[in-house]
Protein backbone atom coordinates (compact mmCIF):
# COMPACT_ATOMS: atom_id res chain seq x y z
CA MET A 1 -1.58 9.66 -6.97
CA ALA A 2 1.06 9.21 -4.26
CA GLY A 3 0.29 12.75 -3.17
CA ALA A 4 -3.46 12.07 -3.30
CA TRP A 5 -2.96 9.06 -1.04
CA ALA A 6 -1.00 11.18 1.45
CA ILE A 7 -3.58 13.96 1.39
CA ALA A 8 -6.44 11.52 1.89
CA HIS A 9 -4.54 9.96 4.81
CA GLU A 10 -4.16 13.35 6.47
CA MET A 11 -7.81 14.26 5.70
CA GLN A 12 -8.91 11.22 7.70
CA HIS A 13 -6.80 12.42 10.66
CA ALA A 14 -8.61 15.77 10.43
CA LYS A 15 -12.02 14.04 10.29
CA PHE A 16 -11.18 12.04 13.40
CA TYR A 17 -10.23 15.21 15.25
CA GLU A 18 -13.23 17.21 14.03
CA ASN A 19 -15.73 14.49 14.85
CA GLU A 20 -13.95 13.50 18.02
CA THR A 21 -13.91 9.89 16.83
CA ARG A 22 -10.20 9.14 17.04
CA PRO A 23 -9.36 5.51 17.71
CA SER A 24 -8.10 4.79 21.18
CA ASP A 25 -4.46 4.35 20.13
CA LEU A 26 -2.24 6.03 17.56
CA ILE A 27 -1.33 2.82 15.72
CA SER A 28 -5.00 2.09 15.03
CA GLU A 29 -5.54 5.65 13.93
CA GLU A 30 -2.65 5.51 11.43
CA LEU A 31 -3.91 2.21 10.00
CA ALA A 32 -7.46 3.62 9.73
CA CYS A 33 -6.08 6.65 7.87
CA ASP A 34 -4.09 4.38 5.54
CA SER A 35 -7.20 2.28 4.91
CA TYR A 36 -9.26 5.36 4.12
CA ALA A 37 -6.64 6.66 1.73
CA ALA A 38 -6.37 3.34 -0.08
CA SER A 39 -10.14 2.88 -0.31
CA LEU A 40 -10.52 6.41 -1.66
CA LEU A 41 -7.93 5.76 -4.39
CA PHE A 42 -9.78 2.64 -5.49
CA SER A 43 -13.30 3.97 -5.15
CA LYS A 44 -15.13 4.76 -8.32
CA VAL A 45 -12.29 3.53 -10.54
CA GLU A 46 -14.88 1.83 -12.75
CA SER A 47 -16.68 5.08 -13.55
CA TYR A 48 -13.35 6.91 -14.05
CA ALA A 49 -12.11 4.22 -16.42
CA GLU A 50 -15.36 4.31 -18.35
CA THR A 51 -15.44 8.13 -18.55
CA THR A 52 -11.84 8.35 -19.74
CA ASN A 53 -11.89 5.20 -21.95
CA GLU A 54 -8.97 3.85 -19.89
CA SER A 55 -8.63 0.22 -19.00
CA LEU A 56 -9.94 -0.48 -15.48
CA VAL A 57 -6.96 -2.71 -14.80
CA LYS A 58 -4.55 0.03 -15.96
CA VAL A 59 -6.20 2.61 -13.71
CA ARG A 60 -6.08 0.25 -10.68
CA ASP A 61 -2.44 -0.65 -11.44
CA LYS A 62 -1.35 2.97 -11.65
CA ARG A 63 -3.14 3.92 -8.45
CA ALA A 64 -1.75 0.96 -6.53
CA MET A 65 1.77 1.64 -7.83
CA ALA A 66 1.55 5.31 -6.86
CA ALA A 67 0.37 4.51 -3.31
CA LEU A 68 3.23 1.96 -2.97
CA VAL A 69 5.75 4.56 -4.07
CA GLY A 70 4.34 6.94 -1.49
CA LEU A 71 4.64 4.33 1.23
CA TYR A 72 8.17 3.53 0.03
CA PHE A 73 9.17 7.15 0.55
CA ILE A 74 7.58 7.19 3.98
CA ALA A 75 9.69 4.12 4.79
CA MET A 76 12.85 5.79 3.53
CA LEU A 77 12.14 8.97 5.54
CA SER A 78 11.27 7.10 8.73
CA PRO A 79 14.05 6.52 11.23
CA GLU A 80 13.13 2.85 11.37
CA ALA A 81 10.74 0.48 9.61
CA GLU A 82 9.50 -1.14 12.82
CA GLN A 83 6.44 -0.05 14.78
CA THR A 84 6.91 2.95 17.05
CA GLU A 85 4.65 4.42 19.71
CA THR A 86 2.91 6.53 17.09
CA HIS A 87 3.15 4.61 13.82
CA PRO A 88 2.67 1.03 12.65
CA ALA A 89 5.48 -0.90 11.02
CA ILE A 90 5.90 -0.01 7.36
CA ARG A 91 5.35 -3.69 6.51
CA ASP A 92 1.87 -3.51 8.05
CA ARG A 93 1.10 -0.36 6.12
CA ILE A 94 2.23 -1.83 2.79
CA GLU A 95 0.40 -5.09 3.50
CA LEU A 96 -2.80 -3.11 4.09
CA LEU A 97 -2.30 -1.50 0.64
CA PHE A 98 -1.62 -4.91 -0.92
CA ASP A 99 -4.83 -6.32 0.61
CA CYS A 100 -6.88 -3.34 -0.59
CA ALA A 101 -5.37 -3.47 -4.12
CA ALA A 102 -5.98 -7.22 -4.35
CA GLU A 103 -9.73 -6.63 -3.98
CA GLY A 104 -9.92 -5.86 -7.70
CA PRO A 105 -8.22 -6.67 -10.96
CA LEU A 106 -4.51 -5.92 -11.38
CA GLU A 107 -2.13 -6.74 -14.18
CA ASN A 108 1.28 -5.15 -13.57
CA PHE A 109 1.14 -4.04 -9.95
CA TRP A 110 2.48 -7.24 -8.43
CA ARG A 111 5.52 -7.22 -10.79
CA PHE A 112 6.12 -3.58 -9.88
CA ALA A 113 5.89 -4.34 -6.17
CA ILE A 114 8.30 -7.28 -6.49
CA ALA A 115 10.81 -5.14 -8.41
CA LEU A 116 10.57 -2.28 -5.94
CA LEU A 117 10.94 -4.48 -2.89
CA TRP A 118 13.64 -6.66 -4.42
CA GLY A 119 15.50 -3.49 -5.41
CA ILE A 120 15.47 -2.29 -1.82
CA ASN A 121 17.00 -5.53 -0.59
CA ASP A 122 18.96 -7.31 -3.29
CA SER A 123 20.18 -9.80 -0.67
CA ILE A 124 17.00 -11.82 -1.20
CA ALA A 125 18.67 -14.64 -3.05
CA THR A 126 16.43 -17.70 -2.80
CA LEU A 127 12.81 -18.47 -2.19
CA PRO A 128 11.80 -20.74 0.67
CA VAL A 129 10.76 -24.24 -0.27
CA GLU A 130 7.10 -23.57 0.58
CA LEU A 131 6.94 -20.98 -2.24
CA GLN A 132 7.28 -23.45 -5.10
CA ASP A 133 5.60 -22.05 -8.21
CA PRO A 134 4.34 -18.90 -6.44
CA SER A 135 2.02 -16.36 -8.03
CA GLU A 136 3.27 -12.81 -8.54
CA ARG A 137 1.08 -11.78 -5.60
CA ASP A 138 2.71 -14.43 -3.38
CA LEU A 139 6.15 -13.18 -4.45
CA ALA A 140 5.21 -9.59 -3.59
CA TYR A 141 4.07 -10.59 -0.11
CA PHE A 142 7.26 -12.67 0.34
CA ALA A 143 9.44 -9.75 -0.72
CA LEU A 144 7.61 -7.46 1.66
CA GLN A 145 8.26 -9.84 4.58
CA ALA A 146 11.92 -10.17 3.57
CA VAL A 147 12.49 -6.42 3.30
CA PHE A 148 10.60 -4.92 6.22
């Protein structure tokens, strides 16, 4: 699924070039390609789950986890996590995935995201006061902000 996300991202670049509809700046184009890839991964999950007798939540979890792993590797291969002239900050890219994943049911994704992000930066020791009794989703967004 991480590979599918990457291929879908690159397919959207090709569509922009072919149709001569590229956004005016490279950052917007990258985010549009990320959005297309994420939406493609989550499209038709209901029919896939029904056809395969898999739990819808399990299918969504696995797809979201795979896309996050793909973005994690992009972050590790990038010279820096901040925005460049050609690419958005990795935080923005992961947040876009979080937002897209959150549009449907999830069970284990947020715990996975927290563990992955906390593992990258184990110096996150305490939560800020405003995060009293946070949800797993809140913790994942907090970890993302603390890491990238």
